[in-house]
Amino acid sequence: MRPETGMAEFEGLSDHFILRMYEFIRDEVRADVSSGTRLVGRPARDRAERLLHEINRRGLHCRPIEWPASERE
């Protein structure tokens, strides 16, 4: 993880806001899949990974985003 990521990146943000940011990315991925486009790229996936790490660090729960096959590593 890069130095500017992790706890400091999300310091001061509420649990609710962190979860909503993650869900927003999930909604964008779903929209891409349903429209057959690819607007959500690697930067959004990287942000989602950092958010999920923070969600787990805080002991919160959510389902991981199901990325399209073309986006999986």
N, C-alpha and C. Protein backbone atom coordinates (compact mmCIF):
# COMPACT_ATOMS: atom_id res chain seq x y z
N MET A 1 0.84 -1.17 0.00
CA MET A 1 0.00 0.00 0.00
C MET A 1 0.89 1.24 0.00
N ARG A 2 0.51 2.25 -0.76
CA ARG A 2 1.29 3.48 -0.83
C ARG A 2 1.16 4.23 0.50
N PRO A 3 2.17 5.07 0.84
CA PRO A 3 2.14 5.79 2.12
C PRO A 3 0.91 6.66 2.31
N GLU A 4 0.37 7.26 1.25
CA GLU A 4 -0.77 8.16 1.41
C GLU A 4 -2.10 7.42 1.55
N THR A 5 -2.06 6.11 1.49
CA THR A 5 -3.29 5.33 1.62
C THR A 5 -3.40 4.80 3.04
N GLY A 6 -4.48 4.10 3.29
CA GLY A 6 -4.67 3.51 4.59
C GLY A 6 -5.44 4.43 5.50
N MET A 7 -5.18 4.31 6.78
CA MET A 7 -5.95 5.00 7.78
C MET A 7 -6.02 6.51 7.55
N ALA A 8 -4.91 7.15 7.23
CA ALA A 8 -4.91 8.61 7.06
C ALA A 8 -5.81 9.06 5.92
N GLU A 9 -5.90 8.25 4.88
CA GLU A 9 -6.73 8.62 3.74
C GLU A 9 -8.20 8.74 4.13
N PHE A 10 -8.65 7.96 5.08
CA PHE A 10 -10.07 7.92 5.47
C PHE A 10 -10.32 8.47 6.86
N GLU A 11 -9.29 9.04 7.47
CA GLU A 11 -9.43 9.61 8.82
C GLU A 11 -10.48 10.71 8.81
N GLY A 12 -11.32 10.69 9.79
CA GLY A 12 -12.34 11.72 9.91
C GLY A 12 -13.62 11.41 9.15
N LEU A 13 -13.63 10.35 8.36
CA LEU A 13 -14.83 9.98 7.63
C LEU A 13 -15.63 8.96 8.44
N SER A 14 -16.93 9.10 8.42
CA SER A 14 -17.78 8.18 9.19
C SER A 14 -17.84 6.81 8.52
N ASP A 15 -18.19 5.82 9.32
CA ASP A 15 -18.38 4.47 8.80
C ASP A 15 -19.40 4.48 7.67
N HIS A 16 -20.48 5.21 7.88
CA HIS A 16 -21.54 5.29 6.88
C HIS A 16 -21.01 5.84 5.56
N PHE A 17 -20.20 6.90 5.64
CA PHE A 17 -19.67 7.51 4.42
C PHE A 17 -18.73 6.56 3.69
N ILE A 18 -17.88 5.85 4.43
CA ILE A 18 -16.96 4.86 3.82
C ILE A 18 -17.77 3.79 3.09
N LEU A 19 -18.80 3.27 3.74
CA LEU A 19 -19.64 2.25 3.11
C LEU A 19 -20.35 2.79 1.88
N ARG A 20 -20.83 4.04 1.95
CA ARG A 20 -21.52 4.64 0.80
C ARG A 20 -20.57 4.83 -0.38
N MET A 21 -19.33 5.23 -0.12
CA MET A 21 -18.36 5.38 -1.22
C MET A 21 -18.13 4.03 -1.89
N TYR A 22 -18.02 2.98 -1.10
CA TYR A 22 -17.81 1.64 -1.66
C TYR A 22 -19.02 1.21 -2.48
N GLU A 23 -20.22 1.46 -1.94
CA GLU A 23 -21.45 1.09 -2.65
C GLU A 23 -21.61 1.91 -3.95
N PHE A 24 -21.17 3.15 -3.96
CA PHE A 24 -21.22 3.95 -5.16
C PHE A 24 -20.39 3.30 -6.27
N ILE A 25 -19.19 2.83 -5.93
CA ILE A 25 -18.36 2.16 -6.93
C ILE A 25 -19.05 0.89 -7.40
N ARG A 26 -19.65 0.13 -6.47
CA ARG A 26 -20.38 -1.09 -6.85
C ARG A 26 -21.50 -0.75 -7.86
N ASP A 27 -22.23 0.33 -7.59
CA ASP A 27 -23.31 0.75 -8.49
C ASP A 27 -22.77 1.10 -9.87
N GLU A 28 -21.63 1.77 -9.92
CA GLU A 28 -21.02 2.13 -11.21
C GLU A 28 -20.57 0.89 -11.98
N VAL A 29 -20.03 -0.10 -11.28
CA VAL A 29 -19.63 -1.35 -11.94
C VAL A 29 -20.87 -2.05 -12.52
N ARG A 30 -21.94 -2.10 -11.75
CA ARG A 30 -23.19 -2.71 -12.23
C ARG A 30 -23.72 -1.97 -13.46
N ALA A 31 -23.65 -0.64 -13.44
CA ALA A 31 -24.12 0.15 -14.58
C ALA A 31 -23.29 -0.15 -15.82
N ASP A 32 -21.98 -0.28 -15.65
CA ASP A 32 -21.11 -0.65 -16.77
C ASP A 32 -21.52 -1.99 -17.36
N VAL A 33 -21.72 -2.97 -16.48
CA VAL A 33 -22.08 -4.32 -16.94
C VAL A 33 -23.41 -4.30 -17.69
N SER A 34 -24.39 -3.61 -17.13
CA SER A 34 -25.71 -3.61 -17.76
C SER A 34 -25.75 -2.83 -19.07
N SER A 35 -24.89 -1.83 -19.21
CA SER A 35 -24.89 -1.03 -20.44
C SER A 35 -23.87 -1.53 -21.47
N GLY A 36 -23.02 -2.46 -21.05
CA GLY A 36 -22.01 -2.99 -21.96
C GLY A 36 -20.86 -2.03 -22.21
N THR A 37 -20.69 -1.05 -21.31
CA THR A 37 -19.59 -0.09 -21.44
C THR A 37 -18.54 -0.37 -20.37
N ARG A 38 -17.47 0.37 -20.45
CA ARG A 38 -16.43 0.25 -19.41
C ARG A 38 -15.98 1.65 -19.03
N LEU A 39 -16.71 2.25 -18.11
CA LEU A 39 -16.35 3.58 -17.62
C LEU A 39 -15.56 3.50 -16.32
N VAL A 40 -15.79 2.43 -15.56
CA VAL A 40 -15.10 2.24 -14.30
C VAL A 40 -13.80 1.50 -14.60
N GLY A 41 -12.69 2.19 -14.40
CA GLY A 41 -11.39 1.61 -14.73
C GLY A 41 -10.57 1.26 -13.50
N ARG A 42 -9.30 1.09 -13.73
CA ARG A 42 -8.36 0.68 -12.68
C ARG A 42 -8.32 1.64 -11.50
N PRO A 43 -8.35 2.96 -11.70
CA PRO A 43 -8.33 3.86 -10.54
C PRO A 43 -9.50 3.61 -9.58
N ALA A 44 -10.69 3.35 -10.13
CA ALA A 44 -11.85 3.07 -9.28
C ALA A 44 -11.67 1.74 -8.56
N ARG A 45 -11.10 0.77 -9.26
CA ARG A 45 -10.88 -0.53 -8.62
C ARG A 45 -9.86 -0.39 -7.49
N ASP A 46 -8.81 0.38 -7.72
CA ASP A 46 -7.81 0.61 -6.68
C ASP A 46 -8.45 1.29 -5.46
N ARG A 47 -9.29 2.28 -5.72
CA ARG A 47 -9.98 2.98 -4.63
C ARG A 47 -10.91 2.03 -3.88
N ALA A 48 -11.61 1.18 -4.61
CA ALA A 48 -12.50 0.20 -3.98
C ALA A 48 -11.70 -0.75 -3.09
N GLU A 49 -10.52 -1.15 -3.53
CA GLU A 49 -9.68 -2.04 -2.73
C GLU A 49 -9.24 -1.35 -1.43
N ARG A 50 -8.88 -0.06 -1.52
CA ARG A 50 -8.50 0.67 -0.33
C ARG A 50 -9.69 0.85 0.61
N LEU A 51 -10.85 1.13 0.03
CA LEU A 51 -12.06 1.26 0.84
C LEU A 51 -12.40 -0.06 1.54
N LEU A 52 -12.32 -1.16 0.82
CA LEU A 52 -12.63 -2.46 1.41
C LEU A 52 -11.65 -2.78 2.54
N HIS A 53 -10.39 -2.43 2.35
CA HIS A 53 -9.40 -2.62 3.41
C HIS A 53 -9.80 -1.82 4.65
N GLU A 54 -10.22 -0.58 4.45
CA GLU A 54 -10.64 0.27 5.57
C GLU A 54 -11.91 -0.27 6.22
N ILE A 55 -12.85 -0.74 5.41
CA ILE A 55 -14.08 -1.33 5.92
C ILE A 55 -13.74 -2.52 6.83
N ASN A 56 -12.86 -3.37 6.37
CA ASN A 56 -12.44 -4.52 7.17
C ASN A 56 -11.69 -4.09 8.42
N ARG A 57 -10.81 -3.09 8.28
CA ARG A 57 -10.05 -2.59 9.43
C ARG A 57 -10.97 -2.07 10.53
N ARG A 58 -12.07 -1.43 10.11
CA ARG A 58 -13.03 -0.89 11.08
C ARG A 58 -13.98 -1.95 11.62
N GLY A 59 -13.90 -3.15 11.11
CA GLY A 59 -14.78 -4.22 11.58
C GLY A 59 -16.18 -4.13 11.02
N LEU A 60 -16.33 -3.41 9.89
CA LEU A 60 -17.62 -3.29 9.23
C LEU A 60 -17.79 -4.46 8.26
N HIS A 61 -18.98 -4.63 7.76
CA HIS A 61 -19.24 -5.74 6.86
C HIS A 61 -19.94 -5.27 5.59
N CYS A 62 -19.49 -5.81 4.46
CA CYS A 62 -20.16 -5.59 3.18
C CYS A 62 -19.68 -6.68 2.22
N ARG A 63 -20.48 -6.89 1.19
CA ARG A 63 -20.08 -7.87 0.17
C ARG A 63 -19.03 -7.24 -0.73
N PRO A 64 -18.01 -8.02 -1.10
CA PRO A 64 -17.03 -7.50 -2.07
C PRO A 64 -17.70 -7.23 -3.42
N ILE A 65 -17.18 -6.29 -4.15
CA ILE A 65 -17.68 -5.97 -5.48
C ILE A 65 -17.37 -7.12 -6.42
N GLU A 66 -18.35 -7.50 -7.22
CA GLU A 66 -18.15 -8.53 -8.25
C GLU A 66 -17.74 -7.82 -9.53
N TRP A 67 -16.44 -7.88 -9.82
CA TRP A 67 -15.89 -7.22 -11.00
C TRP A 67 -16.13 -8.07 -12.23
N PRO A 68 -16.39 -7.44 -13.37
CA PRO A 68 -16.55 -8.20 -14.62
C PRO A 68 -15.28 -9.02 -14.90
N ALA A 69 -15.43 -10.11 -15.61
CA ALA A 69 -14.29 -10.98 -15.91
C ALA A 69 -13.14 -10.22 -16.54
N SER A 70 -13.44 -9.24 -17.39
CA SER A 70 -12.40 -8.46 -18.05
C SER A 70 -11.61 -7.59 -17.09
N GLU A 71 -12.14 -7.36 -15.89
CA GLU A 71 -11.48 -6.50 -14.90
C GLU A 71 -10.76 -7.31 -13.83
N ARG A 72 -10.96 -8.60 -13.79
CA ARG A 72 -10.31 -9.43 -12.76
C ARG A 72 -8.85 -9.60 -13.07
N GLU A 73 -8.08 -9.73 -11.98
CA GLU A 73 -6.63 -9.90 -12.15
C GLU A 73 -6.29 -11.30 -12.52
